């Protein structure tokens, strides 16, 4: 589980490194798209 969000006492989530999170999310989406395309291509 990623530790990018710091949950405070009130339960508010506060992003610590937004840039890295955004980049990682984009990479994950690209990989998922690639796998989906490959599966449908077979």
PDB file of N, CA and C in Angstrom:
ATOM      1  N   UNK A   1       0.854  -1.188   0.000  1.00  0.00           N
ATOM      2  CA  UNK A   1       0.000   0.000   0.000  1.00  0.00           C
ATOM      3  C   UNK A   1       0.889   1.237   0.000  1.00  0.00           C
ATOM      4  N   UNK A   2       0.554   2.172  -0.882  1.00  0.00           N
ATOM      5  CA  UNK A   2       1.406   3.361  -1.000  1.00  0.00           C
ATOM      6  C   UNK A   2       1.162   4.308   0.163  1.00  0.00           C
ATOM      7  N   UNK A   3       2.220   4.952   0.593  1.00  0.00           N
ATOM      8  CA  UNK A   3       2.138   5.859   1.736  1.00  0.00           C
ATOM      9  C   UNK A   3       2.189   7.309   1.277  1.00  0.00           C
ATOM     10  N   UNK A   4       1.539   7.612   0.142  1.00  0.00           N
ATOM     11  CA  UNK A   4       1.599   8.973  -0.373  1.00  0.00           C
ATOM     12  C   UNK A   4       0.669   9.903   0.393  1.00  0.00           C
ATOM     13  N   UNK A   5      -0.414   9.348   0.954  1.00  0.00           N
ATOM     14  CA  UNK A   5      -1.386  10.202   1.632  1.00  0.00           C
ATOM     15  C   UNK A   5      -1.198  10.086   3.134  1.00  0.00           C
ATOM     16  N   UNK A   6      -1.128  11.218   3.770  1.00  0.00           N
ATOM     17  CA  UNK A   6      -1.009  11.245   5.221  1.00  0.00           C
ATOM     18  C   UNK A   6      -2.391  11.496   5.801  1.00  0.00           C
ATOM     19  N   UNK A   7      -2.913  10.534   6.545  1.00  0.00           N
ATOM     20  CA  UNK A   7      -4.240  10.676   7.131  1.00  0.00           C
ATOM     21  C   UNK A   7      -4.088  11.307   8.509  1.00  0.00           C
ATOM     22  N   UNK A   8      -4.632  12.486   8.658  1.00  0.00           N
ATOM     23  CA  UNK A   8      -4.514  13.176   9.941  1.00  0.00           C
ATOM     24  C   UNK A   8      -5.589  12.662  10.898  1.00  0.00           C
ATOM     25  N   UNK A   9      -5.651  13.270  12.078  1.00  0.00           N
ATOM     26  CA  UNK A   9      -6.589  12.819  13.098  1.00  0.00           C
ATOM     27  C   UNK A   9      -8.020  13.034  12.625  1.00  0.00           C
ATOM     28  N   UNK A  10      -8.256  14.132  11.889  1.00  0.00           N
ATOM     29  CA  UNK A  10      -9.614  14.430  11.450  1.00  0.00           C
ATOM     30  C   UNK A  10     -10.006  13.591  10.241  1.00  0.00           C
ATOM     31  N   UNK A  11      -9.055  12.817   9.707  1.00  0.00           N
ATOM     32  CA  UNK A  11      -9.381  11.963   8.577  1.00  0.00           C
ATOM     33  C   UNK A  11      -9.158  12.636   7.241  1.00  0.00           C
ATOM     34  N   UNK A  12      -8.626  13.868   7.244  1.00  0.00           N
ATOM     35  CA  UNK A  12      -8.360  14.539   5.975  1.00  0.00           C
ATOM     36  C   UNK A  12      -7.114  13.951   5.340  1.00  0.00           C
ATOM     37  N   UNK A  13      -7.206  13.700   4.046  1.00  0.00           N
ATOM     38  CA  UNK A  13      -6.035  13.163   3.351  1.00  0.00           C
ATOM     39  C   UNK A  13      -5.247  14.306   2.749  1.00  0.00           C
ATOM     40  N   UNK A  14      -3.940  14.279   2.972  1.00  0.00           N
ATOM     41  CA  UNK A  14      -3.075  15.361   2.501  1.00  0.00           C
ATOM     42  C   UNK A  14      -1.970  14.781   1.636  1.00  0.00           C
ATOM     43  N   UNK A  15      -2.004  15.033   0.321  1.00  0.00           N
ATOM     44  CA  UNK A  15      -0.955  14.495  -0.540  1.00  0.00           C
ATOM     45  C   UNK A  15       0.405  15.062  -0.174  1.00  0.00           C
ATOM     46  N   UNK A  16       1.395  14.180  -0.100  1.00  0.00           N
ATOM     47  CA  UNK A  16       2.734  14.602   0.293  1.00  0.00           C
ATOM     48  C   UNK A  16       3.579  14.913  -0.937  1.00  0.00           C
ATOM     49  N   UNK A  17       3.552  14.008  -1.925  1.00  0.00           N
ATOM     50  CA  UNK A  17       4.316  14.276  -3.143  1.00  0.00           C
ATOM     51  C   UNK A  17       3.375  14.110  -4.330  1.00  0.00           C
ATOM     52  N   UNK A  18       2.744  15.200  -4.717  1.00  0.00           N
ATOM     53  CA  UNK A  18       1.703  15.142  -5.739  1.00  0.00           C
ATOM     54  C   UNK A  18       2.311  14.815  -7.097  1.00  0.00           C
ATOM     55  N   UNK A  19       3.481  15.373  -7.385  1.00  0.00           N
ATOM     56  CA  UNK A  19       4.087  15.153  -8.705  1.00  0.00           C
ATOM     57  C   UNK A  19       4.381  13.678  -8.917  1.00  0.00           C
ATOM     58  N   UNK A  20       5.045  13.064  -7.939  1.00  0.00           N
ATOM     59  CA  UNK A  20       5.393  11.654  -8.097  1.00  0.00           C
ATOM     60  C   UNK A  20       4.136  10.797  -8.198  1.00  0.00           C
ATOM     61  N   UNK A  21       3.115  11.136  -7.400  1.00  0.00           N
ATOM     62  CA  UNK A  21       1.879  10.368  -7.445  1.00  0.00           C
ATOM     63  C   UNK A  21       1.253  10.467  -8.824  1.00  0.00           C
ATOM     64  N   UNK A  22       1.217  11.681  -9.380  1.00  0.00           N
ATOM     65  CA  UNK A  22       0.625  11.865 -10.706  1.00  0.00           C
ATOM     66  C   UNK A  22       1.388  11.062 -11.743  1.00  0.00           C
ATOM     67  N   UNK A  23       2.700  11.129 -11.692  1.00  0.00           N
ATOM     68  CA  UNK A  23       3.503  10.410 -12.684  1.00  0.00           C
ATOM     69  C   UNK A  23       3.270   8.907 -12.560  1.00  0.00           C
ATOM     70  N   UNK A  24       3.249   8.413 -11.322  1.00  0.00           N
ATOM     71  CA  UNK A  24       3.067   6.983 -11.124  1.00  0.00           C
ATOM     72  C   UNK A  24       1.686   6.547 -11.606  1.00  0.00           C
ATOM     73  N   UNK A  25       0.667   7.371 -11.339  1.00  0.00           N
ATOM     74  CA  UNK A  25      -0.681   7.019 -11.789  1.00  0.00           C
ATOM     75  C   UNK A  25      -0.736   6.967 -13.308  1.00  0.00           C
ATOM     76  N   UNK A  26      -0.085   7.930 -13.982  1.00  0.00           N
ATOM     77  CA  UNK A  26      -0.070   7.926 -15.443  1.00  0.00           C
ATOM     78  C   UNK A  26       0.629   6.668 -15.958  1.00  0.00           C
ATOM     79  N   UNK A  27       1.739   6.304 -15.340  1.00  0.00           N
ATOM     80  CA  UNK A  27       2.458   5.107 -15.788  1.00  0.00           C
ATOM     81  C   UNK A  27       1.596   3.867 -15.592  1.00  0.00           C
ATOM     82  N   UNK A  28       0.903   3.788 -14.460  1.00  0.00           N
ATOM     83  CA  UNK A  28       0.048   2.633 -14.205  1.00  0.00           C
ATOM     84  C   UNK A  28      -1.065   2.557 -15.242  1.00  0.00           C
ATOM     85  N   UNK A  29      -1.675   3.690 -15.568  1.00  0.00           N
ATOM     86  CA  UNK A  29      -2.742   3.713 -16.570  1.00  0.00           C
ATOM     87  C   UNK A  29      -2.205   3.255 -17.919  1.00  0.00           C
ATOM     88  N   UNK A  30      -0.998   3.704 -18.265  1.00  0.00           N
ATOM     89  CA  UNK A  30      -0.413   3.317 -19.550  1.00  0.00           C
ATOM     90  C   UNK A  30      -0.177   1.809 -19.592  1.00  0.00           C
ATOM     91  N   UNK A  31       0.322   1.253 -18.501  1.00  0.00           N
ATOM     92  CA  UNK A  31       0.577  -0.189 -18.462  1.00  0.00           C
ATOM     93  C   UNK A  31      -0.734  -0.955 -18.566  1.00  0.00           C
ATOM     94  N   UNK A  32      -1.754  -0.508 -17.854  1.00  0.00           N
ATOM     95  CA  UNK A  32      -3.039  -1.197 -17.916  1.00  0.00           C
ATOM     96  C   UNK A  32      -3.607  -1.140 -19.323  1.00  0.00           C
ATOM     97  N   UNK A  33      -3.502   0.024 -19.970  1.00  0.00           N
ATOM     98  CA  UNK A  33      -3.983   0.144 -21.344  1.00  0.00           C
ATOM     99  C   UNK A  33      -3.222  -0.812 -22.252  1.00  0.00           C
ATOM    100  N   UNK A  34      -1.917  -0.878 -22.078  1.00  0.00           N
ATOM    101  CA  UNK A  34      -1.096  -1.757 -22.906  1.00  0.00           C
ATOM    102  C   UNK A  34      -1.524  -3.218 -22.740  1.00  0.00           C
ATOM    103  N   UNK A  35      -1.739  -3.627 -21.487  1.00  0.00           N
ATOM    104  CA  UNK A  35      -2.145  -5.010 -21.249  1.00  0.00           C
ATOM    105  C   UNK A  35      -3.517  -5.278 -21.857  1.00  0.00           C
ATOM    106  N   UNK A  36      -4.424  -4.321 -21.730  1.00  0.00           N
ATOM    107  CA  UNK A  36      -5.769  -4.496 -22.283  1.00  0.00           C
ATOM    108  C   UNK A  36      -5.711  -4.616 -23.801  1.00  0.00           C
ATOM    109  N   UNK A  37      -4.917  -3.748 -24.433  1.00  0.00           N
ATOM    110  CA  UNK A  37      -4.784  -3.800 -25.895  1.00  0.00           C
ATOM    111  C   UNK A  37      -4.197  -5.148 -26.318  1.00  0.00           C
ATOM    112  N   UNK A  38      -3.191  -5.616 -25.582  1.00  0.00           N
ATOM    113  CA  UNK A  38      -2.550  -6.875 -25.959  1.00  0.00           C
ATOM    114  C   UNK A  38      -3.530  -8.040 -25.812  1.00  0.00           C
ATOM    115  N   UNK A  39      -4.356  -7.987 -24.759  1.00  0.00           N
ATOM    116  CA  UNK A  39      -5.306  -9.080 -24.548  1.00  0.00           C
ATOM    117  C   UNK A  39      -6.348  -9.101 -25.664  1.00  0.00           C
ATOM    118  N   UNK A  40      -6.826  -7.936 -26.081  1.00  0.00           N
ATOM    119  CA  UNK A  40      -7.844  -7.897 -27.128  1.00  0.00           C
ATOM    120  C   UNK A  40      -7.233  -8.218 -28.482  1.00  0.00           C
ATOM    121  N   UNK A  41      -5.927  -8.019 -28.634  1.00  0.00           N
ATOM    122  CA  UNK A  41      -5.282  -8.272 -29.928  1.00  0.00           C
ATOM    123  C   UNK A  41      -5.170  -9.774 -30.183  1.00  0.00           C
ATOM    124  N   UNK A  42      -5.077 -10.563 -29.111  1.00  0.00           N
ATOM    125  CA  UNK A  42      -4.921 -12.012 -29.306  1.00  0.00           C
ATOM    126  C   UNK A  42      -6.196 -12.606 -29.885  1.00  0.00           C
TER     127      UNK A  42
END
